Amino acid sequence: YNDLKKYFREFGERVKVADWYQGLSR
C-alpha cells in the first residue's frame, strides 16, 4: 500500500496500478 502511494507520487497521475505491479519482483 505504501509502495503504491510512493510510486504514484513519484511518477504522477497517468501511471497505472498494472505498471506498478509489473515492476515488482517475483
PDB file of all heavy atoms in Angstrom:
ATOM      1  N   TYR A   1       0.844  -1.202   0.000  1.00  0.00           N
ATOM      2  CA  TYR A   1       0.000   0.000   0.000  1.00  0.00           C
ATOM      3  C   TYR A   1       0.881   1.255   0.000  1.00  0.00           C
ATOM      4  O   TYR A   1       0.695   2.161  -0.818  1.00  0.00           O
ATOM      5  CB  TYR A   1      -0.914  -0.053   1.229  1.00  0.00           C
ATOM      6  CG  TYR A   1      -1.572   1.230   1.628  1.00  0.00           C
ATOM      7  CD1 TYR A   1      -2.701   1.695   0.969  1.00  0.00           C
ATOM      8  CD2 TYR A   1      -1.094   1.968   2.706  1.00  0.00           C
ATOM      9  CE1 TYR A   1      -3.329   2.865   1.364  1.00  0.00           C
ATOM     10  CE2 TYR A   1      -1.713   3.134   3.101  1.00  0.00           C
ATOM     11  CZ  TYR A   1      -2.826   3.577   2.426  1.00  0.00           C
ATOM     12  OH  TYR A   1      -3.439   4.740   2.815  1.00  0.00           O
ATOM     13  N   ASN A   2       1.857   1.292   0.887  1.00  0.00           N
ATOM     14  CA  ASN A   2       2.767   2.443   0.954  1.00  0.00           C
ATOM     15  C   ASN A   2       3.624   2.558  -0.296  1.00  0.00           C
ATOM     16  O   ASN A   2       3.867   3.650  -0.799  1.00  0.00           O
ATOM     17  CB  ASN A   2       3.657   2.350   2.188  1.00  0.00           C
ATOM     18  CG  ASN A   2       2.942   2.810   3.426  1.00  0.00           C
ATOM     19  OD1 ASN A   2       2.030   3.631   3.349  1.00  0.00           O
ATOM     20  ND2 ASN A   2       3.334   2.281   4.565  1.00  0.00           N
ATOM     21  N   ASP A   3       4.072   1.425  -0.823  1.00  0.00           N
ATOM     22  CA  ASP A   3       4.882   1.429  -2.032  1.00  0.00           C
ATOM     23  C   ASP A   3       4.092   1.969  -3.224  1.00  0.00           C
ATOM     24  O   ASP A   3       4.616   2.732  -4.033  1.00  0.00           O
ATOM     25  CB  ASP A   3       5.375   0.008  -2.305  1.00  0.00           C
ATOM     26  CG  ASP A   3       6.389  -0.044  -3.421  1.00  0.00           C
ATOM     27  OD1 ASP A   3       7.260   0.849  -3.468  1.00  0.00           O
ATOM     28  OD2 ASP A   3       6.306  -0.965  -4.243  1.00  0.00           O
ATOM     29  N   LEU A   4       2.820   1.586  -3.318  1.00  0.00           N
ATOM     30  CA  LEU A   4       1.975   2.082  -4.412  1.00  0.00           C
ATOM     31  C   LEU A   4       1.762   3.593  -4.297  1.00  0.00           C
ATOM     32  O   LEU A   4       1.819   4.306  -5.299  1.00  0.00           O
ATOM     33  CB  LEU A   4       0.628   1.352  -4.399  1.00  0.00           C
ATOM     34  CG  LEU A   4      -0.361   1.741  -5.493  1.00  0.00           C
ATOM     35  CD1 LEU A   4       0.209   1.445  -6.873  1.00  0.00           C
ATOM     36  CD2 LEU A   4      -1.669   1.005  -5.289  1.00  0.00           C
ATOM     37  N   LYS A   5       1.558   4.094  -3.087  1.00  0.00           N
ATOM     38  CA  LYS A   5       1.410   5.541  -2.897  1.00  0.00           C
ATOM     39  C   LYS A   5       2.676   6.279  -3.334  1.00  0.00           C
ATOM     40  O   LYS A   5       2.602   7.290  -4.026  1.00  0.00           O
ATOM     41  CB  LYS A   5       1.103   5.864  -1.431  1.00  0.00           C
ATOM     42  CG  LYS A   5      -0.279   5.494  -0.991  1.00  0.00           C
ATOM     43  CD  LYS A   5      -0.666   6.080   0.343  1.00  0.00           C
ATOM     44  CE  LYS A   5       0.366   5.985   1.412  1.00  0.00           C
ATOM     45  NZ  LYS A   5      -0.061   6.492   2.723  1.00  0.00           N
ATOM     46  N   LYS A   6       3.825   5.764  -2.946  1.00  0.00           N
ATOM     47  CA  LYS A   6       5.093   6.392  -3.332  1.00  0.00           C
ATOM     48  C   LYS A   6       5.263   6.379  -4.849  1.00  0.00           C
ATOM     49  O   LYS A   6       5.737   7.355  -5.427  1.00  0.00           O
ATOM     50  CB  LYS A   6       6.263   5.658  -2.679  1.00  0.00           C
ATOM     51  CG  LYS A   6       6.370   5.879  -1.205  1.00  0.00           C
ATOM     52  CD  LYS A   6       7.503   5.056  -0.641  1.00  0.00           C
ATOM     53  CE  LYS A   6       7.505   5.084   0.864  1.00  0.00           C
ATOM     54  NZ  LYS A   6       8.542   4.187   1.419  1.00  0.00           N
ATOM     55  N   TYR A   7       4.891   5.287  -5.481  1.00  0.00           N
ATOM     56  CA  TYR A   7       5.006   5.154  -6.936  1.00  0.00           C
ATOM     57  C   TYR A   7       4.159   6.214  -7.632  1.00  0.00           C
ATOM     58  O   TYR A   7       4.624   6.872  -8.562  1.00  0.00           O
ATOM     59  CB  TYR A   7       4.566   3.747  -7.345  1.00  0.00           C
ATOM     60  CG  TYR A   7       4.692   3.459  -8.819  1.00  0.00           C
ATOM     61  CD1 TYR A   7       5.910   3.081  -9.366  1.00  0.00           C
ATOM     62  CD2 TYR A   7       3.594   3.549  -9.662  1.00  0.00           C
ATOM     63  CE1 TYR A   7       6.032   2.797 -10.715  1.00  0.00           C
ATOM     64  CE2 TYR A   7       3.706   3.270 -11.017  1.00  0.00           C
ATOM     65  CZ  TYR A   7       4.926   2.896 -11.532  1.00  0.00           C
ATOM     66  OH  TYR A   7       5.033   2.625 -12.870  1.00  0.00           O
ATOM     67  N   PHE A   8       2.929   6.408  -7.172  1.00  0.00           N
ATOM     68  CA  PHE A   8       2.050   7.406  -7.790  1.00  0.00           C
ATOM     69  C   PHE A   8       2.547   8.826  -7.524  1.00  0.00           C
ATOM     70  O   PHE A   8       2.404   9.697  -8.368  1.00  0.00           O
ATOM     71  CB  PHE A   8       0.608   7.232  -7.307  1.00  0.00           C
ATOM     72  CG  PHE A   8      -0.203   6.349  -8.201  1.00  0.00           C
ATOM     73  CD1 PHE A   8      -0.035   4.980  -8.170  1.00  0.00           C
ATOM     74  CD2 PHE A   8      -1.123   6.877  -9.088  1.00  0.00           C
ATOM     75  CE1 PHE A   8      -0.773   4.155  -8.996  1.00  0.00           C
ATOM     76  CE2 PHE A   8      -1.862   6.072  -9.925  1.00  0.00           C
ATOM     77  CZ  PHE A   8      -1.681   4.699  -9.880  1.00  0.00           C
ATOM     78  N   ARG A   9       3.123   9.074  -6.354  1.00  0.00           N
ATOM     79  CA  ARG A   9       3.668  10.399  -6.075  1.00  0.00           C
ATOM     80  C   ARG A   9       4.876  10.691  -6.960  1.00  0.00           C
ATOM     81  O   ARG A   9       5.081  11.800  -7.415  1.00  0.00           O
ATOM     82  CB  ARG A   9       4.057  10.514  -4.609  1.00  0.00           C
ATOM     83  CG  ARG A   9       2.923  10.937  -3.746  1.00  0.00           C
ATOM     84  CD  ARG A   9       3.412  11.352  -2.368  1.00  0.00           C
ATOM     85  NE  ARG A   9       2.470  10.800  -1.417  1.00  0.00           N
ATOM     86  CZ  ARG A   9       2.675   9.730  -0.672  1.00  0.00           C
ATOM     87  NH1 ARG A   9       3.812   9.101  -0.707  1.00  0.00           N
ATOM     88  NH2 ARG A   9       1.756   9.289   0.144  1.00  0.00           N
ATOM     89  N   GLU A  10       5.686   9.662  -7.195  1.00  0.00           N
ATOM     90  CA  GLU A  10       6.913   9.846  -7.974  1.00  0.00           C
ATOM     91  C   GLU A  10       6.647   9.988  -9.469  1.00  0.00           C
ATOM     92  O   GLU A  10       7.237  10.845 -10.132  1.00  0.00           O
ATOM     93  CB  GLU A  10       7.847   8.656  -7.743  1.00  0.00           C
ATOM     94  CG  GLU A  10       9.172   8.776  -8.441  1.00  0.00           C
ATOM     95  CD  GLU A  10      10.099   7.614  -8.134  1.00  0.00           C
ATOM     96  OE1 GLU A  10       9.884   6.925  -7.125  1.00  0.00           O
ATOM     97  OE2 GLU A  10      11.037   7.415  -8.911  1.00  0.00           O
ATOM     98  N   PHE A  11       5.740   9.181 -10.014  1.00  0.00           N
ATOM     99  CA  PHE A  11       5.535   9.156 -11.468  1.00  0.00           C
ATOM    100  C   PHE A  11       4.292   9.895 -11.934  1.00  0.00           C
ATOM    101  O   PHE A  11       4.074  10.023 -13.131  1.00  0.00           O
ATOM    102  CB  PHE A  11       5.490   7.709 -11.970  1.00  0.00           C
ATOM    103  CG  PHE A  11       6.801   7.014 -11.828  1.00  0.00           C
ATOM    104  CD1 PHE A  11       7.005   6.082 -10.827  1.00  0.00           C
ATOM    105  CD2 PHE A  11       7.860   7.319 -12.667  1.00  0.00           C
ATOM    106  CE1 PHE A  11       8.218   5.447 -10.681  1.00  0.00           C
ATOM    107  CE2 PHE A  11       9.089   6.685 -12.531  1.00  0.00           C
ATOM    108  CZ  PHE A  11       9.267   5.741 -11.536  1.00  0.00           C
ATOM    109  N   GLY A  12       3.454  10.347 -11.028  1.00  0.00           N
ATOM    110  CA  GLY A  12       2.308  11.156 -11.410  1.00  0.00           C
ATOM    111  C   GLY A  12       1.024  10.370 -11.576  1.00  0.00           C
ATOM    112  O   GLY A  12       0.961   9.167 -11.357  1.00  0.00           O
ATOM    113  N   GLU A  13      -0.016  11.086 -11.976  1.00  0.00           N
ATOM    114  CA  GLU A  13      -1.363  10.546 -12.040  1.00  0.00           C
ATOM    115  C   GLU A  13      -1.612   9.661 -13.256  1.00  0.00           C
ATOM    116  O   GLU A  13      -2.602   8.950 -13.303  1.00  0.00           O
ATOM    117  CB  GLU A  13      -2.376  11.703 -12.049  1.00  0.00           C
ATOM    118  CG  GLU A  13      -2.290  12.602 -10.833  1.00  0.00           C
ATOM    119  CD  GLU A  13      -2.736  11.906  -9.568  1.00  0.00           C
ATOM    120  OE1 GLU A  13      -3.718  11.154  -9.629  1.00  0.00           O
ATOM    121  OE2 GLU A  13      -2.098  12.111  -8.524  1.00  0.00           O
ATOM    122  N   ARG A  14      -0.758   9.718 -14.248  1.00  0.00           N
ATOM    123  CA  ARG A  14      -1.020   8.986 -15.501  1.00  0.00           C
ATOM    124  C   ARG A  14      -0.598   7.525 -15.465  1.00  0.00           C
ATOM    125  O   ARG A  14      -0.929   6.773 -16.360  1.00  0.00           O
ATOM    126  CB  ARG A  14      -0.317   9.672 -16.661  1.00  0.00           C
ATOM    127  CG  ARG A  14      -0.880  11.030 -16.930  1.00  0.00           C
ATOM    128  CD  ARG A  14      -0.251  11.638 -18.137  1.00  0.00           C
ATOM    129  NE  ARG A  14      -0.779  12.980 -18.318  1.00  0.00           N
ATOM    130  CZ  ARG A  14      -0.332  13.823 -19.192  1.00  0.00           C
ATOM    131  NH1 ARG A  14       0.666  13.472 -19.978  1.00  0.00           N
ATOM    132  NH2 ARG A  14      -0.861  15.018 -19.303  1.00  0.00           N
ATOM    133  N   VAL A  15       0.160   7.125 -14.461  1.00  0.00           N
ATOM    134  CA  VAL A  15       0.599   5.737 -14.387  1.00  0.00           C
ATOM    135  C   VAL A  15      -0.561   4.831 -13.981  1.00  0.00           C
ATOM    136  O   VAL A  15      -1.582   5.295 -13.489  1.00  0.00           O
ATOM    137  CB  VAL A  15       1.782   5.572 -13.410  1.00  0.00           C
ATOM    138  CG1 VAL A  15       2.982   6.329 -13.893  1.00  0.00           C
ATOM    139  CG2 VAL A  15       1.397   5.987 -12.016  1.00  0.00           C
ATOM    140  N   LYS A  16      -0.392   3.546 -14.186  1.00  0.00           N
ATOM    141  CA  LYS A  16      -1.433   2.573 -13.856  1.00  0.00           C
ATOM    142  C   LYS A  16      -0.948   1.655 -12.746  1.00  0.00           C
ATOM    143  O   LYS A  16       0.258   1.452 -12.576  1.00  0.00           O
ATOM    144  CB  LYS A  16      -1.778   1.726 -15.079  1.00  0.00           C
ATOM    145  CG  LYS A  16      -2.347   2.515 -16.222  1.00  0.00           C
ATOM    146  CD  LYS A  16      -2.657   1.593 -17.385  1.00  0.00           C
ATOM    147  CE  LYS A  16      -3.231   2.381 -18.541  1.00  0.00           C
ATOM    148  NZ  LYS A  16      -3.538   1.485 -19.677  1.00  0.00           N
ATOM    149  N   VAL A  17      -1.897   1.092 -12.031  1.00  0.00           N
ATOM    150  CA  VAL A  17      -1.560   0.130 -10.991  1.00  0.00           C
ATOM    151  C   VAL A  17      -0.873  -1.076 -11.625  1.00  0.00           C
ATOM    152  O   VAL A  17       0.063  -1.639 -11.057  1.00  0.00           O
ATOM    153  CB  VAL A  17      -2.819  -0.296 -10.197  1.00  0.00           C
ATOM    154  CG1 VAL A  17      -2.489  -1.369  -9.172  1.00  0.00           C
ATOM    155  CG2 VAL A  17      -3.442   0.914  -9.503  1.00  0.00           C
ATOM    156  N   ALA A  18      -1.306  -1.464 -12.823  1.00  0.00           N
ATOM    157  CA  ALA A  18      -0.688  -2.598 -13.518  1.00  0.00           C
ATOM    158  C   ALA A  18       0.784  -2.325 -13.821  1.00  0.00           C
ATOM    159  O   ALA A  18       1.611  -3.245 -13.760  1.00  0.00           O
ATOM    160  CB  ALA A  18      -1.447  -2.904 -14.802  1.00  0.00           C
ATOM    161  N   ASP A  19       1.135  -1.070 -14.122  1.00  0.00           N
ATOM    162  CA  ASP A  19       2.542  -0.716 -14.363  1.00  0.00           C
ATOM    163  C   ASP A  19       3.363  -0.922 -13.097  1.00  0.00           C
ATOM    164  O   ASP A  19       4.477  -1.446 -13.136  1.00  0.00           O
ATOM    165  CB  ASP A  19       2.667   0.735 -14.819  1.00  0.00           C
ATOM    166  CG  ASP A  19       1.983   1.005 -16.145  1.00  0.00           C
ATOM    167  OD1 ASP A  19       1.810   0.046 -16.936  1.00  0.00           O
ATOM    168  OD2 ASP A  19       1.606   2.167 -16.377  1.00  0.00           O
ATOM    169  N   TRP A  20       2.818  -0.468 -11.975  1.00  0.00           N
ATOM    170  CA  TRP A  20       3.492  -0.649 -10.691  1.00  0.00           C
ATOM    171  C   TRP A  20       3.666  -2.134 -10.399  1.00  0.00           C
ATOM    172  O   TRP A  20       4.745  -2.572  -9.998  1.00  0.00           O
ATOM    173  CB  TRP A  20       2.675   0.036  -9.584  1.00  0.00           C
ATOM    174  CG  TRP A  20       3.093  -0.348  -8.204  1.00  0.00           C
ATOM    175  CD1 TRP A  20       4.159   0.113  -7.506  1.00  0.00           C
ATOM    176  CD2 TRP A  20       2.433  -1.292  -7.351  1.00  0.00           C
ATOM    177  NE1 TRP A  20       4.212  -0.487  -6.269  1.00  0.00           N
ATOM    178  CE2 TRP A  20       3.155  -1.347  -6.155  1.00  0.00           C
ATOM    179  CE3 TRP A  20       1.298  -2.083  -7.483  1.00  0.00           C
ATOM    180  CZ2 TRP A  20       2.783  -2.163  -5.097  1.00  0.00           C
ATOM    181  CZ3 TRP A  20       0.923  -2.897  -6.429  1.00  0.00           C
ATOM    182  CH2 TRP A  20       1.668  -2.924  -5.257  1.00  0.00           C
ATOM    183  N   TYR A  21       2.618  -2.922 -10.617  1.00  0.00           N
ATOM    184  CA  TYR A  21       2.663  -4.359 -10.338  1.00  0.00           C
ATOM    185  C   TYR A  21       3.719  -5.058 -11.200  1.00  0.00           C
ATOM    186  O   TYR A  21       4.462  -5.897 -10.710  1.00  0.00           O
ATOM    187  CB  TYR A  21       1.283  -4.977 -10.577  1.00  0.00           C
ATOM    188  CG  TYR A  21       1.233  -6.454 -10.285  1.00  0.00           C
ATOM    189  CD1 TYR A  21       1.126  -6.919  -8.983  1.00  0.00           C
ATOM    190  CD2 TYR A  21       1.301  -7.378 -11.311  1.00  0.00           C
ATOM    191  CE1 TYR A  21       1.097  -8.273  -8.712  1.00  0.00           C
ATOM    192  CE2 TYR A  21       1.270  -8.736 -11.053  1.00  0.00           C
ATOM    193  CZ  TYR A  21       1.158  -9.174  -9.747  1.00  0.00           C
ATOM    194  OH  TYR A  21       1.140 -10.521  -9.487  1.00  0.00           O
ATOM    195  N   GLN A  22       3.805  -4.690 -12.479  1.00  0.00           N
ATOM    196  CA  GLN A  22       4.778  -5.316 -13.375  1.00  0.00           C
ATOM    197  C   GLN A  22       6.217  -5.020 -12.958  1.00  0.00           C
ATOM    198  O   GLN A  22       7.113  -5.809 -13.229  1.00  0.00           O
ATOM    199  CB  GLN A  22       4.554  -4.853 -14.822  1.00  0.00           C
ATOM    200  CG  GLN A  22       3.280  -5.369 -15.428  1.00  0.00           C
ATOM    201  CD  GLN A  22       3.207  -6.881 -15.458  1.00  0.00           C
ATOM    202  OE1 GLN A  22       4.195  -7.553 -15.708  1.00  0.00           O
ATOM    203  NE2 GLN A  22       2.038  -7.413 -15.181  1.00  0.00           N
ATOM    204  N   GLY A  23       6.442  -3.901 -12.290  1.00  0.00           N
ATOM    205  CA  GLY A  23       7.778  -3.537 -11.858  1.00  0.00           C
ATOM    206  C   GLY A  23       8.236  -4.214 -10.578  1.00  0.00           C
ATOM    207  O   GLY A  23       9.392  -4.084 -10.187  1.00  0.00           O
ATOM    208  N   LEU A  24       7.355  -4.964  -9.941  1.00  0.00           N
ATOM    209  CA  LEU A  24       7.710  -5.643  -8.693  1.00  0.00           C
ATOM    210  C   LEU A  24       8.513  -6.906  -8.964  1.00  0.00           C
ATOM    211  O   LEU A  24       8.441  -7.491 -10.046  1.00  0.00           O
ATOM    212  CB  LEU A  24       6.444  -6.013  -7.911  1.00  0.00           C
ATOM    213  CG  LEU A  24       5.576  -4.861  -7.426  1.00  0.00           C
ATOM    214  CD1 LEU A  24       4.311  -5.406  -6.777  1.00  0.00           C
ATOM    215  CD2 LEU A  24       6.328  -3.976  -6.462  1.00  0.00           C
ATOM    216  N   SER A  25       9.243  -7.342  -7.945  1.00  0.00           N
ATOM    217  CA  SER A  25       9.981  -8.594  -8.065  1.00  0.00           C
ATOM    218  C   SER A  25       9.016  -9.773  -7.977  1.00  0.00           C
ATOM    219  O   SER A  25       7.871  -9.631  -7.550  1.00  0.00           O
ATOM    220  CB  SER A  25      11.031  -8.705  -6.953  1.00  0.00           C
ATOM    221  OG  SER A  25      10.383  -8.902  -5.709  1.00  0.00           O
ATOM    222  N   ARG A  26       9.485 -10.926  -8.360  1.00  0.00           N
ATOM    223  CA  ARG A  26       8.656 -12.133  -8.326  1.00  0.00           C
ATOM    224  C   ARG A  26       8.161 -12.430  -6.909  1.00  0.00           C
ATOM    225  O   ARG A  26       7.004 -12.798  -6.714  1.00  0.00           O
ATOM    226  CB  ARG A  26       9.447 -13.314  -8.865  1.00  0.00           C
ATOM    227  CG  ARG A  26       8.719 -14.626  -8.745  1.00  0.00           C
ATOM    228  CD  ARG A  26       9.530 -15.745  -9.275  1.00  0.00           C
ATOM    229  NE  ARG A  26       9.094 -15.968 -10.633  1.00  0.00           N
ATOM    230  CZ  ARG A  26       9.641 -16.806 -11.452  1.00  0.00           C
ATOM    231  NH1 ARG A  26      10.686 -17.498 -11.085  1.00  0.00           N
ATOM    232  NH2 ARG A  26       9.153 -16.972 -12.668  1.00  0.00           N
TER     233      ARG A  26
END
